[in-house]
C-alpha atoms as a PDB file:
ATOM      1  CA  MET A   1       7.134  21.305  -3.939  1.00  0.00           C
ATOM      2  CA  ASP A   2       6.227  21.642  -7.604  1.00  0.00           C
ATOM      3  CA  ALA A   3       3.143  23.456  -9.119  1.00  0.00           C
ATOM      4  CA  ARG A   4       1.092  20.069  -9.530  1.00  0.00           C
ATOM      5  CA  GLN A   5       1.575  19.120  -6.172  1.00  0.00           C
ATOM      6  CA  GLU A   6       0.334  22.657  -4.965  1.00  0.00           C
ATOM      7  CA  CYS A   7      -2.627  22.134  -7.117  1.00  0.00           C
ATOM      8  CA  ILE A   8      -3.411  18.652  -5.712  1.00  0.00           C
ATOM      9  CA  ASP A   9      -3.131  19.934  -2.071  1.00  0.00           C
ATOM     10  CA  THR A  10      -5.423  22.660  -2.850  1.00  0.00           C
ATOM     11  CA  MET A  11      -8.149  20.394  -4.549  1.00  0.00           C
ATOM     12  CA  ARG A  12      -7.497  18.039  -1.301  1.00  0.00           C
ATOM     13  CA  GLU A  13      -8.262  20.792   0.865  1.00  0.00           C
ATOM     14  CA  LEU A  14     -11.348  21.902  -0.982  1.00  0.00           C
ATOM     15  CA  PHE A  15     -12.582  18.429  -0.798  1.00  0.00           C
ATOM     16  CA  ARG A  16     -11.880  18.402   3.054  1.00  0.00           C
ATOM     17  CA  GLN A  17     -13.985  21.525   3.619  1.00  0.00           C
ATOM     18  CA  PHE A  18     -16.658  20.273   1.308  1.00  0.00           C
ATOM     19  CA  MET A  19     -17.162  16.999   2.902  1.00  0.00           C
ATOM     20  CA  SER A  20     -16.980  18.976   6.570  1.00  0.00           C
ATOM     21  CA  VAL A  21     -19.799  20.950   5.346  1.00  0.00           C
ATOM     22  CA  LEU A  22     -21.778  18.002   4.310  1.00  0.00           C
ATOM     23  CA  ILE A  23     -21.519  15.846   7.461  1.00  0.00           C
ATOM     24  CA  GLN A  24     -22.641  19.071   9.421  1.00  0.00           C
ATOM     25  CA  GLU A  25     -25.741  19.486   7.190  1.00  0.00           C
ATOM     26  CA  ARG A  26     -26.470  15.818   6.967  1.00  0.00           C
ATOM     27  CA  THR A  27     -29.066  15.826   9.721  1.00  0.00           C
ATOM     28  CA  LYS A  28     -30.657  19.202   8.182  1.00  0.00           C
ATOM     29  CA  LEU A  29     -31.082  17.501   4.683  1.00  0.00           C
ATOM     30  CA  GLU A  30     -32.409  14.481   6.174  1.00  0.00           C
ATOM     31  CA  GLN A  31     -35.173  16.194   7.644  1.00  0.00           C
ATOM     32  CA  HIS A  32     -36.070  17.325   4.126  1.00  0.00           C
ATOM     33  CA  CYS A  33     -36.041  13.865   2.880  1.00  0.00           C
ATOM     34  CA  ILE A  34     -32.396  14.535   1.139  1.00  0.00           C
ATOM     35  CA  TYR A  35     -30.450  11.551   1.717  1.00  0.00           C
ATOM     36  CA  LEU A  36     -26.614  11.697   0.744  1.00  0.00           C
ATOM     37  CA  ASP A  37     -25.031   8.451  -0.953  1.00  0.00           C
ATOM     38  CA  PRO A  38     -22.619   7.383   1.688  1.00  0.00           C
ATOM     39  CA  ARG A  39     -20.233   6.229  -1.408  1.00  0.00           C
ATOM     40  CA  ILE A  40     -18.728   9.913  -1.989  1.00  0.00           C
ATOM     41  CA  THR A  41     -15.728   9.507  -4.020  1.00  0.00           C
ATOM     42  CA  PHE A  42     -12.512  11.543  -4.414  1.00  0.00           C
ATOM     43  CA  ASN A  43      -9.952  10.538  -7.297  1.00  0.00           C
ATOM     44  CA  GLU A  44      -6.416  11.830  -8.468  1.00  0.00           C
ATOM     45  CA  ILE A  45      -5.183  11.492 -11.894  1.00  0.00           C
ATOM     46  CA  ASP A  46      -1.545  10.431 -10.964  1.00  0.00           C
ATOM     47  CA  ARG A  47       0.070  12.489 -13.748  1.00  0.00           C
ATOM     48  CA  TYR A  48      -0.512  15.627 -15.583  1.00  0.00           C
ATOM     49  CA  PHE A  49      -3.845  15.027 -17.554  1.00  0.00           C
ATOM     50  CA  PHE A  50      -3.123  17.606 -20.277  1.00  0.00           C
ATOM     51  CA  SER A  51      -0.170  20.150 -20.588  1.00  0.00           C
ATOM     52  CA  GLY A  52       0.374  21.885 -17.348  1.00  0.00           C
ATOM     53  CA  CYS A  53      -3.047  20.678 -15.505  1.00  0.00           C
ATOM     54  CA  ALA A  54      -3.265  18.782 -12.278  1.00  0.00           C
ATOM     55  CA  CYS A  55      -6.823  16.911 -12.295  1.00  0.00           C
ATOM     56  CA  CYS A  56      -8.882  15.211  -9.499  1.00  0.00           C
ATOM     57  CA  TYR A  57     -12.514  14.984  -9.209  1.00  0.00           C
ATOM     58  CA  PHE A  58     -15.031  13.849  -6.577  1.00  0.00           C
ATOM     59  CA  GLN A  59     -18.795  12.391  -7.132  1.00  0.00           C
ATOM     60  CA  ILE A  60     -21.776  12.791  -4.983  1.00  0.00           C
ATOM     61  CA  ALA A  61     -25.383  10.972  -5.620  1.00  0.00           C
ATOM     62  CA  ILE A  62     -28.543  12.903  -4.840  1.00  0.00           C
ATOM     63  CA  ASP A  63     -32.020  12.328  -5.756  1.00  0.00           C
ATOM     64  CA  ILE A  64     -33.005  16.149  -6.371  1.00  0.00           C
ATOM     65  CA  PHE A  65     -31.742  18.969  -8.380  1.00  0.00           C
ATOM     66  CA  THR A  66     -29.183  20.869  -6.277  1.00  0.00           C
ATOM     67  CA  ASP A  67     -27.200  23.844  -7.336  1.00  0.00           C
ATOM     68  CA  LEU A  68     -23.578  22.962  -6.713  1.00  0.00           C
ATOM     69  CA  ARG A  69     -21.852  25.824  -8.080  1.00  0.00           C
ATOM     70  CA  TYR A  70     -19.034  27.416  -6.089  1.00  0.00           C
ATOM     71  CA  ASN A  71     -20.244  30.443  -3.898  1.00  0.00           C
ATOM     72  CA  GLU A  72     -17.097  32.160  -2.345  1.00  0.00           C
ATOM     73  CA  ASN A  73     -19.233  33.518   0.576  1.00  0.00           C
ATOM     74  CA  GLU A  74     -20.183  29.999   1.759  1.00  0.00           C
ATOM     75  CA  TRP A  75     -16.200  29.305   2.000  1.00  0.00           C
ATOM     76  CA  THR A  76     -14.997  32.204   3.815  1.00  0.00           C
ATOM     77  CA  ILE A  77     -13.617  31.742   7.150  1.00  0.00           C
END
């Protein structure tokens, strides 16, 4: 497996974990009138975007400010 594929696999796993948290929290969020847009997309760029980088992105829609910065404590198993 090449380095790009390993990076893409890591990003897919991160997105899977992110989505599993959102699904679990959906009811809690809706109790606070925060509704998730069901059209959450994950897109991969099928080649190196620029020198040696594998790229993908996902988008979510929210109506209020939410701090989405990565917090390692929330992802440790």
